[in-house]
C-alpha atoms as a PDB file:
ATOM      1  CA  MET A   1       0.000   0.000   0.000  1.00  0.00           C
ATOM      2  CA  SER A   2       1.062   3.606  -0.452  1.00  0.00           C
ATOM      3  CA  CYS A   3       2.089   5.617   2.580  1.00  0.00           C
ATOM      4  CA  VAL A   4       2.890   9.145   3.755  1.00  0.00           C
ATOM      5  CA  GLN A   5       5.319  10.118   6.489  1.00  0.00           C
ATOM      6  CA  GLY A   6       5.112  13.610   7.925  1.00  0.00           C
ATOM      7  CA  HIS A   7       7.597  15.756   9.819  1.00  0.00           C
ATOM      8  CA  PHE A   8      10.707  14.149   8.376  1.00  0.00           C
ATOM      9  CA  HIS A   9      13.379  16.765   9.084  1.00  0.00           C
ATOM     10  CA  SER A  10      15.742  16.152   6.186  1.00  0.00           C
ATOM     11  CA  LYS A  11      13.747  14.288   3.515  1.00  0.00           C
ATOM     12  CA  PHE A  12      11.222  15.719   1.079  1.00  0.00           C
ATOM     13  CA  LYS A  13      10.515  13.209  -1.660  1.00  0.00           C
ATOM     14  CA  ILE A  14       8.205  10.787  -3.424  1.00  0.00           C
ATOM     15  CA  GLU A  15       9.244   7.295  -4.474  1.00  0.00           C
ATOM     16  CA  TYR A  16       7.254   4.854  -6.604  1.00  0.00           C
ATOM     17  CA  TRP A  17       7.271   1.071  -6.890  1.00  0.00           C
ATOM     18  CA  ALA A  18       4.949  -1.467  -8.458  1.00  0.00           C
ATOM     19  CA  ASN A  19       3.895  -5.075  -8.409  1.00  0.00           C
ATOM     20  CA  PRO A  20       1.800  -6.891 -11.028  1.00  0.00           C
ATOM     21  CA  ASP A  21      -1.392  -5.512  -9.454  1.00  0.00           C
ATOM     22  CA  ALA A  22      -0.764  -1.827  -8.802  1.00  0.00           C
ATOM     23  CA  LEU A  23       1.526   1.206  -8.648  1.00  0.00           C
ATOM     24  CA  PHE A  24       2.370   2.498  -5.153  1.00  0.00           C
ATOM     25  CA  PHE A  25       4.081   5.548  -3.688  1.00  0.00           C
ATOM     26  CA  ALA A  26       5.798   6.622  -0.498  1.00  0.00           C
ATOM     27  CA  MET A  27       5.821  10.344   0.247  1.00  0.00           C
ATOM     28  CA  GLN A  28       7.994  11.947   2.902  1.00  0.00           C
ATOM     29  CA  VAL A  29       7.184  15.556   3.677  1.00  0.00           C
ATOM     30  CA  GLY A  30       9.343  18.124   5.424  1.00  0.00           C
ATOM     31  CA  CYS A  31       8.851  19.518   8.870  1.00  0.00           C
ATOM     32  CA  LEU A  32       7.200  22.815   9.746  1.00  0.00           C
ATOM     33  CA  ILE A  33       9.888  24.079  12.097  1.00  0.00           C
ATOM     34  CA  GLN A  34      12.747  26.520  11.716  1.00  0.00           C
ATOM     35  CA  GLN A  35      16.093  24.928  12.427  1.00  0.00           C
ATOM     36  CA  THR A  36      17.403  28.287  13.675  1.00  0.00           C
ATOM     37  CA  ASN A  37      14.904  28.486  16.571  1.00  0.00           C
ATOM     38  CA  MET A  38      16.477  28.172  20.005  1.00  0.00           C
ATOM     39  CA  ALA A  39      14.615  24.923  20.691  1.00  0.00           C
ATOM     40  CA  PHE A  40      16.555  23.272  17.858  1.00  0.00           C
ATOM     41  CA  THR A  41      20.093  24.382  18.722  1.00  0.00           C
ATOM     42  CA  TYR A  42      20.934  20.699  19.116  1.00  0.00           C
ATOM     43  CA  SER A  43      20.896  20.544  15.300  1.00  0.00           C
ATOM     44  CA  LYS A  44      23.445  23.310  14.666  1.00  0.00           C
ATOM     45  CA  ASN A  45      26.143  20.768  13.771  1.00  0.00           C
ATOM     46  CA  PHE A  46      23.922  18.549  11.608  1.00  0.00           C
ATOM     47  CA  LYS A  47      25.194  18.017   8.069  1.00  0.00           C
ATOM     48  CA  THR A  48      21.661  18.221   6.694  1.00  0.00           C
ATOM     49  CA  LYS A  49      19.315  21.186   6.800  1.00  0.00           C
ATOM     50  CA  PHE A  50      15.657  20.886   7.864  1.00  0.00           C
ATOM     51  CA  ILE A  51      13.230  21.147   4.946  1.00  0.00           C
ATOM     52  CA  MET A  52      10.046  23.163   5.320  1.00  0.00           C
ATOM     53  CA  GLY A  53       7.280  21.822   3.154  1.00  0.00           C
ATOM     54  CA  CYS A  54       4.008  19.956   3.059  1.00  0.00           C
ATOM     55  CA  GLY A  55       2.345  17.439   0.812  1.00  0.00           C
ATOM     56  CA  MET A  56      -1.039  16.858  -0.753  1.00  0.00           C
ATOM     57  CA  ILE A  57      -2.700  13.917  -2.421  1.00  0.00           C
ATOM     58  CA  ILE A  58      -4.919  15.109  -5.250  1.00  0.00           C
ATOM     59  CA  ASP A  59      -6.909  12.526  -7.248  1.00  0.00           C
ATOM     60  CA  SER A  60      -4.690   9.760  -5.778  1.00  0.00           C
ATOM     61  CA  THR A  61      -1.527  11.548  -6.946  1.00  0.00           C
ATOM     62  CA  PRO A  62       0.996  12.728  -4.338  1.00  0.00           C
ATOM     63  CA  ARG A  63       2.387  16.264  -4.659  1.00  0.00           C
ATOM     64  CA  LEU A  64       5.119  18.018  -2.716  1.00  0.00           C
ATOM     65  CA  MET A  65       4.554  21.679  -1.831  1.00  0.00           C
ATOM     66  CA  PRO A  66       7.770  23.473  -0.785  1.00  0.00           C
ATOM     67  CA  MET A  67       7.244  26.445   1.498  1.00  0.00           C
ATOM     68  CA  VAL A  68       8.786  29.707   0.223  1.00  0.00           C
ATOM     69  CA  LEU A  69      11.162  31.158   2.816  1.00  0.00           C
ATOM     70  CA  ASN A  70      12.775  34.573   3.153  1.00  0.00           C
ATOM     71  CA  LYS A  71      16.503  35.139   3.767  1.00  0.00           C
ATOM     72  CA  GLU A  72      16.007  34.603   7.514  1.00  0.00           C
ATOM     73  CA  GLY A  73      14.425  31.197   6.865  1.00  0.00           C
ATOM     74  CA  LYS A  74      10.883  32.298   7.767  1.00  0.00           C
ATOM     75  CA  TRP A  75       7.862  31.237   5.727  1.00  0.00           C
ATOM     76  CA  ILE A  76       6.372  34.086   3.706  1.00  0.00           C
ATOM     77  CA  GLY A  77       2.938  32.453   3.387  1.00  0.00           C
ATOM     78  CA  LYS A  78       3.414  30.971  -0.097  1.00  0.00           C
ATOM     79  CA  LEU A  79       3.719  27.403  -1.392  1.00  0.00           C
ATOM     80  CA  VAL A  80       5.413  26.454  -4.660  1.00  0.00           C
END
């Protein structure tokens, strides 16, 4: 079966696979937190950056929606 995982800090992707009966997907969506907030100082030495984004499934098709950020890393209220 297809699946969606939310709040994955460093992954933002869709993968597909199939068997003889159907096509399936796995969607991992970004988190909705700013890595620069004080609560996340533990991540200052991480090699990967947190990804801000969300996902939608429209007519059984998964779609990734990156969140547009300003230079300070804050969401400006727009999705791509």
